[in-house]
Protein backbone atom coordinates (compact mmCIF):
# COMPACT_ATOMS: atom_id res chain seq x y z
CA UNK A 1 -6.31 -14.82 -3.92
CA UNK A 2 -3.50 -12.30 -3.15
CA UNK A 3 -3.75 -8.54 -3.79
CA UNK A 4 -0.64 -6.29 -4.19
CA UNK A 5 -0.46 -2.76 -2.90
CA UNK A 6 1.06 -0.08 -5.22
CA UNK A 7 4.49 0.01 -3.42
CA UNK A 8 5.02 -3.64 -4.42
CA UNK A 9 4.56 -2.63 -8.02
CA UNK A 10 6.86 0.32 -7.83
CA UNK A 11 9.65 -1.50 -5.97
CA UNK A 12 9.43 -4.47 -8.25
CA UNK A 13 10.09 -2.44 -11.53
CA UNK A 14 12.59 0.09 -9.91
CA UNK A 15 16.12 -1.56 -9.71
CA UNK A 16 17.41 1.46 -7.68
CA UNK A 17 14.87 0.73 -4.85
CA UNK A 18 16.27 -0.74 -1.85
CA UNK A 19 13.20 -3.15 -1.72
CA UNK A 20 13.63 -3.98 -5.55
CA UNK A 21 14.87 -7.54 -5.08
CA UNK A 22 12.34 -8.83 -2.53
CA UNK A 23 9.41 -7.03 -4.50
CA UNK A 24 10.56 -8.30 -7.78
CA UNK A 25 10.87 -11.82 -6.43
CA UNK A 26 7.49 -11.56 -4.75
CA UNK A 27 5.73 -10.31 -7.69
CA UNK A 28 7.21 -12.84 -10.10
CA UNK A 29 6.42 -15.71 -7.75
CA UNK A 30 2.88 -14.30 -7.20
CA UNK A 31 2.17 -14.04 -10.86
CA UNK A 32 3.31 -17.58 -11.57
CA UNK A 33 1.60 -19.13 -8.37
CA UNK A 34 -1.52 -21.07 -8.68
CA UNK A 35 -3.33 -18.68 -6.28
CA UNK A 36 -4.54 -15.76 -8.42
CA UNK A 37 -2.99 -12.26 -8.03
CA UNK A 38 -5.25 -9.33 -8.11
CA UNK A 39 -4.77 -5.56 -8.47
CA UNK A 40 -7.66 -3.18 -7.61
CA UNK A 41 -8.64 -0.37 -9.81
CA UNK A 42 -7.38 2.22 -7.32
CA UNK A 43 -4.09 0.58 -7.18
CA UNK A 44 -3.69 0.57 -10.97
CA UNK A 45 -4.63 4.23 -11.10
CA UNK A 46 -2.06 5.17 -8.49
CA UNK A 47 0.55 3.36 -10.52
CA UNK A 48 -0.26 5.27 -13.45
CA UNK A 49 -0.69 8.56 -11.84
CA UNK A 50 2.32 8.37 -9.55
CA UNK A 51 4.65 6.49 -11.75
CA UNK A 52 4.33 9.21 -14.69
CA UNK A 53 4.82 12.13 -12.42
CA UNK A 54 8.03 13.81 -12.97
CA UNK A 55 8.42 14.31 -9.24
CA UNK A 56 8.62 10.61 -8.84
CA UNK A 57 12.30 9.32 -8.88
CA UNK A 58 11.57 6.45 -11.23
CA UNK A 59 9.22 8.55 -13.48
CA UNK A 60 8.08 6.52 -16.55
CA UNK A 61 6.68 7.68 -19.85
CA UNK A 62 2.98 7.19 -20.37
CA UNK A 63 3.62 4.29 -22.81
CA UNK A 64 5.99 2.56 -20.24
CA UNK A 65 3.59 2.73 -17.35
CA UNK A 66 0.61 1.45 -19.45
CA UNK A 67 2.95 -1.22 -20.79
CA UNK A 68 3.68 -2.42 -17.35
CA UNK A 69 0.02 -2.85 -16.42
CA UNK A 70 -0.57 -4.53 -19.78
CA UNK A 71 2.22 -7.02 -19.09
CA UNK A 72 0.84 -7.88 -15.73
CA UNK A 73 -2.61 -8.40 -17.05
CA UNK A 74 -1.35 -10.41 -20.02
CA UNK A 75 0.33 -12.70 -17.48
CA UNK A 76 -2.97 -13.53 -15.72
CA UNK A 77 -3.10 -10.78 -12.94
CA UNK A 78 -6.84 -10.06 -12.41
CA UNK A 79 -8.51 -6.65 -12.03
CA UNK A 80 -10.41 -6.83 -8.60
CA UNK A 81 -13.55 -4.92 -8.35
CA UNK A 82 -14.64 -3.38 -5.01
CA UNK A 83 -18.38 -3.62 -5.33
CA UNK A 84 -18.69 -6.02 -2.50
CA UNK A 85 -17.16 -3.67 -0.02
CA UNK A 86 -19.59 -2.69 2.72
CA UNK A 87 -19.71 0.89 4.00
CA UNK A 88 -19.72 -0.35 7.55
CA UNK A 89 -16.48 -2.34 7.14
CA UNK A 90 -14.88 0.61 5.33
CA UNK A 91 -15.77 3.00 8.10
CA UNK A 92 -14.58 0.50 10.76
CA UNK A 93 -11.19 0.37 8.90
CA UNK A 94 -10.99 3.96 8.75
CA UNK A 95 -11.60 4.44 12.45
CA UNK A 96 -8.99 1.71 13.20
CA UNK A 97 -6.16 3.49 11.13
CA UNK A 98 -3.69 5.49 13.00
CA UNK A 99 -3.86 8.23 10.36
CA UNK A 100 -6.08 11.13 9.59
CA UNK A 101 -9.04 10.42 7.47
CA UNK A 102 -7.41 11.94 4.21
CA UNK A 103 -4.45 9.58 4.63
CA UNK A 104 -6.31 6.53 5.78
CA UNK A 105 -8.83 6.29 2.95
CA UNK A 106 -6.76 4.46 0.31
CA UNK A 107 -5.32 1.87 2.76
CA UNK A 108 -8.78 1.35 4.36
CA UNK A 109 -10.35 0.80 0.96
CA UNK A 110 -7.57 -1.61 -0.22
CA UNK A 111 -7.99 -3.51 3.08
CA UNK A 112 -11.73 -3.62 2.90
CA UNK A 113 -11.40 -5.05 -0.58
CA UNK A 114 -9.01 -7.75 0.58
CA UNK A 115 -11.34 -8.54 3.47
CA UNK A 116 -14.52 -8.73 1.42
CA UNK A 117 -12.72 -10.99 -1.01
CA UNK A 118 -11.18 -13.25 1.40
CA UNK A 119 -7.85 -12.29 -0.15
CA UNK A 120 -4.37 -11.73 1.38
CA UNK A 121 -2.97 -8.21 0.94
CA UNK A 122 0.75 -8.05 0.19
CA UNK A 123 2.42 -4.88 1.10
CA UNK A 124 5.64 -3.29 2.39
CA UNK A 125 3.47 -0.59 4.07
CA UNK A 126 3.19 -0.86 8.07
CA UNK A 127 -0.04 1.14 8.00
CA UNK A 128 -2.10 -2.12 7.31
CA UNK A 129 -1.27 -3.62 10.65
CA UNK A 130 -4.20 -2.06 12.49
CA UNK A 131 -6.58 -3.84 10.07
CA UNK A 132 -5.48 -7.37 11.11
CA UNK A 133 -7.81 -7.23 14.11
CA UNK A 134 -10.58 -6.41 11.84
CA UNK A 135 -10.05 -9.53 9.65
CA UNK A 136 -7.29 -8.57 7.18
CA UNK A 137 -4.97 -11.28 6.08
CA UNK A 138 -1.76 -9.19 5.56
CA UNK A 139 1.56 -10.41 4.00
CA UNK A 140 4.13 -8.06 5.19
CA UNK A 141 7.06 -7.85 2.66
CA UNK A 142 10.46 -6.65 3.64
CA UNK A 143 9.97 -7.39 7.30
């Protein structure tokens, strides 16, 4: 399984983004690949919350944002549960992050889900690099 970070989703739908082309190609290929593609609930929530915020340059209407998620789910993207994430793994990843706790939580949680599921995490975000030593399979996009 592959799991996509929220940046992948934003870049894939925003034609004005400098990362639009690689993100759109990656997302389309991942949806059509035999290996399943997953999104975690926090990633979906971030997409909806940030994508409908007027401060976001590519701000969408509520219906448009919900429509994107529905389109991905209809195409076979799975919603990934984080029930298997162990506290000790999460705290290990928070400790490995180069960022303050308040900024490390989302990345550590997403990495912990990917590790727990044996999945590859796809992201443009370099903040996932420290988690490789802790078992994260990371596909760095845009490198």
